[in-house]
Amino acid sequence: MILTITLILVLLVAINFLLLTISFRKNKKSSTKVTKQARVISRSITTQEAPVQLAPTGS
């Protein structure tokens, strides 16, 4: 019983490391691609002044 649980845990850990290495290789290859530079968009912000007399809030 203990031997079966130990073997299952070792198998799961081995599969986990295998998937981790495969995932790391995919991320490493994709990071070597040329990345585009971010565009900077600047907009002028206009503010409108509030009217002098505001509507009642009802509180």
N, C-alpha and C. Protein backbone atom coordinates (compact mmCIF):
# COMPACT_ATOMS: atom_id res chain seq x y z
N MET A 1 0.83 -1.20 0.00
CA MET A 1 0.00 0.00 0.00
C MET A 1 0.87 1.26 0.00
N ILE A 2 1.83 1.32 0.91
CA ILE A 2 2.71 2.48 0.99
C ILE A 2 3.58 2.55 -0.26
N LEU A 3 3.99 1.40 -0.77
CA LEU A 3 4.80 1.34 -1.98
C LEU A 3 4.02 1.88 -3.17
N THR A 4 2.75 1.56 -3.26
CA THR A 4 1.90 2.03 -4.36
C THR A 4 1.75 3.55 -4.30
N ILE A 5 1.50 4.09 -3.13
CA ILE A 5 1.34 5.54 -2.96
C ILE A 5 2.65 6.24 -3.31
N THR A 6 3.78 5.67 -2.88
CA THR A 6 5.07 6.27 -3.17
C THR A 6 5.35 6.27 -4.67
N LEU A 7 5.06 5.17 -5.34
CA LEU A 7 5.27 5.10 -6.78
C LEU A 7 4.39 6.09 -7.54
N ILE A 8 3.15 6.24 -7.09
CA ILE A 8 2.24 7.19 -7.74
C ILE A 8 2.75 8.61 -7.55
N LEU A 9 3.19 8.95 -6.35
CA LEU A 9 3.71 10.29 -6.09
C LEU A 9 4.97 10.57 -6.90
N VAL A 10 5.87 9.60 -7.01
CA VAL A 10 7.09 9.78 -7.80
C VAL A 10 6.73 9.97 -9.26
N LEU A 11 5.76 9.21 -9.76
CA LEU A 11 5.33 9.35 -11.14
C LEU A 11 4.72 10.73 -11.40
N LEU A 12 3.91 11.22 -10.48
CA LEU A 12 3.30 12.54 -10.64
C LEU A 12 4.35 13.65 -10.60
N VAL A 13 5.35 13.52 -9.74
CA VAL A 13 6.41 14.52 -9.67
C VAL A 13 7.23 14.51 -10.96
N ALA A 14 7.50 13.32 -11.50
CA ALA A 14 8.26 13.22 -12.75
C ALA A 14 7.48 13.85 -13.91
N ILE A 15 6.17 13.60 -13.98
CA ILE A 15 5.34 14.20 -15.02
C ILE A 15 5.31 15.72 -14.86
N ASN A 16 5.26 16.20 -13.63
CA ASN A 16 5.24 17.63 -13.36
C ASN A 16 6.53 18.29 -13.86
N PHE A 17 7.69 17.69 -13.58
CA PHE A 17 8.95 18.25 -14.05
C PHE A 17 9.05 18.20 -15.57
N LEU A 18 8.53 17.15 -16.17
CA LEU A 18 8.55 17.05 -17.63
C LEU A 18 7.71 18.16 -18.25
N LEU A 19 6.53 18.38 -17.72
CA LEU A 19 5.68 19.46 -18.24
C LEU A 19 6.30 20.83 -17.97
N LEU A 20 6.97 20.99 -16.86
CA LEU A 20 7.62 22.26 -16.54
C LEU A 20 8.74 22.56 -17.53
N THR A 21 9.53 21.57 -17.88
CA THR A 21 10.61 21.81 -18.83
C THR A 21 10.06 22.11 -20.22
N ILE A 22 9.01 21.43 -20.62
CA ILE A 22 8.40 21.70 -21.93
C ILE A 22 7.84 23.12 -21.96
N SER A 23 7.18 23.52 -20.90
CA SER A 23 6.61 24.86 -20.82
C SER A 23 7.71 25.92 -20.82
N PHE A 24 8.81 25.67 -20.14
CA PHE A 24 9.91 26.63 -20.08
C PHE A 24 10.54 26.80 -21.46
N ARG A 25 10.66 25.73 -22.21
CA ARG A 25 11.24 25.82 -23.55
C ARG A 25 10.36 26.64 -24.47
N LYS A 26 9.05 26.50 -24.37
CA LYS A 26 8.13 27.28 -25.21
C LYS A 26 8.24 28.76 -24.88
N ASN A 27 8.30 29.10 -23.60
CA ASN A 27 8.40 30.50 -23.19
C ASN A 27 9.74 31.09 -23.60
N LYS A 28 10.79 30.31 -23.54
CA LYS A 28 12.11 30.81 -23.89
C LYS A 28 12.21 31.11 -25.38
N LYS A 29 11.59 30.28 -26.23
CA LYS A 29 11.63 30.51 -27.66
C LYS A 29 10.81 31.73 -28.04
N SER A 30 9.65 31.90 -27.42
CA SER A 30 8.80 33.02 -27.78
C SER A 30 9.37 34.36 -27.31
N SER A 31 10.23 34.34 -26.28
CA SER A 31 10.79 35.60 -25.79
C SER A 31 11.92 36.11 -26.67
N THR A 32 12.45 35.26 -27.56
CA THR A 32 13.54 35.70 -28.42
C THR A 32 13.04 36.47 -29.63
N LYS A 33 11.74 36.51 -29.85
CA LYS A 33 11.19 37.25 -30.98
C LYS A 33 11.36 38.74 -30.76
N VAL A 34 11.41 39.48 -31.85
CA VAL A 34 11.55 40.93 -31.77
C VAL A 34 10.21 41.50 -31.33
N THR A 35 10.23 42.27 -30.27
CA THR A 35 9.02 42.87 -29.77
C THR A 35 8.87 44.27 -30.33
N LYS A 36 7.64 44.65 -30.59
CA LYS A 36 7.38 45.99 -31.10
C LYS A 36 7.44 46.99 -29.95
N GLN A 37 7.86 48.19 -30.26
CA GLN A 37 7.90 49.22 -29.23
C GLN A 37 6.48 49.74 -29.01
N ALA A 38 6.20 50.11 -27.79
CA ALA A 38 4.89 50.61 -27.45
C ALA A 38 4.68 52.00 -28.03
N ARG A 39 3.50 52.23 -28.51
CA ARG A 39 3.17 53.55 -29.04
C ARG A 39 2.68 54.46 -27.92
N VAL A 40 3.09 55.67 -27.96
CA VAL A 40 2.66 56.64 -26.96
C VAL A 40 1.64 57.56 -27.61
N ILE A 41 0.45 57.55 -27.05
CA ILE A 41 -0.63 58.39 -27.58
C ILE A 41 -0.88 59.50 -26.57
N SER A 42 -0.71 60.73 -27.00
CA SER A 42 -0.95 61.84 -26.10
C SER A 42 -2.18 62.60 -26.59
N ARG A 43 -3.08 62.81 -25.69
CA ARG A 43 -4.30 63.55 -26.01
C ARG A 43 -4.39 64.75 -25.07
N SER A 44 -4.87 65.83 -25.62
CA SER A 44 -5.07 66.99 -24.76
C SER A 44 -6.41 66.83 -24.05
N ILE A 45 -6.39 67.04 -22.77
CA ILE A 45 -7.59 66.86 -21.95
C ILE A 45 -8.21 68.23 -21.73
N THR A 46 -9.48 68.35 -22.10
CA THR A 46 -10.19 69.60 -21.88
C THR A 46 -11.18 69.39 -20.74
N THR A 47 -11.25 70.36 -19.88
CA THR A 47 -12.19 70.28 -18.77
C THR A 47 -13.26 71.34 -18.94
N GLN A 48 -14.47 70.96 -18.60
CA GLN A 48 -15.57 71.92 -18.67
C GLN A 48 -15.87 72.39 -17.26
N GLU A 49 -16.10 73.67 -17.14
CA GLU A 49 -16.41 74.22 -15.82
C GLU A 49 -17.86 73.91 -15.47
N ALA A 50 -18.11 73.63 -14.18
CA ALA A 50 -19.46 73.34 -13.73
C ALA A 50 -20.26 74.63 -13.70
N PRO A 51 -21.56 74.52 -13.95
CA PRO A 51 -22.39 75.74 -13.86
C PRO A 51 -22.36 76.30 -12.43
N VAL A 52 -22.60 77.56 -12.33
CA VAL A 52 -22.52 78.23 -11.04
C VAL A 52 -23.58 77.71 -10.08
N GLN A 53 -24.78 77.47 -10.56
CA GLN A 53 -25.86 77.00 -9.70
C GLN A 53 -26.11 75.54 -10.04
N LEU A 54 -25.88 74.67 -9.04
CA LEU A 54 -26.06 73.24 -9.26
C LEU A 54 -27.48 72.82 -8.91
N ALA A 55 -27.91 71.72 -9.47
CA ALA A 55 -29.25 71.20 -9.20
C ALA A 55 -29.31 70.64 -7.78
N PRO A 56 -30.48 70.72 -7.15
CA PRO A 56 -30.60 70.18 -5.78
C PRO A 56 -30.44 68.65 -5.79
N THR A 57 -29.81 68.15 -4.76
CA THR A 57 -29.56 66.71 -4.68
C THR A 57 -30.69 65.96 -4.00
N GLY A 58 -31.53 66.61 -3.25
CA GLY A 58 -32.64 65.95 -2.58
C GLY A 58 -32.29 65.38 -1.24
N SER A 59 -31.11 65.65 -0.74
CA SER A 59 -30.78 65.09 0.58
C SER A 59 -30.96 66.12 1.67
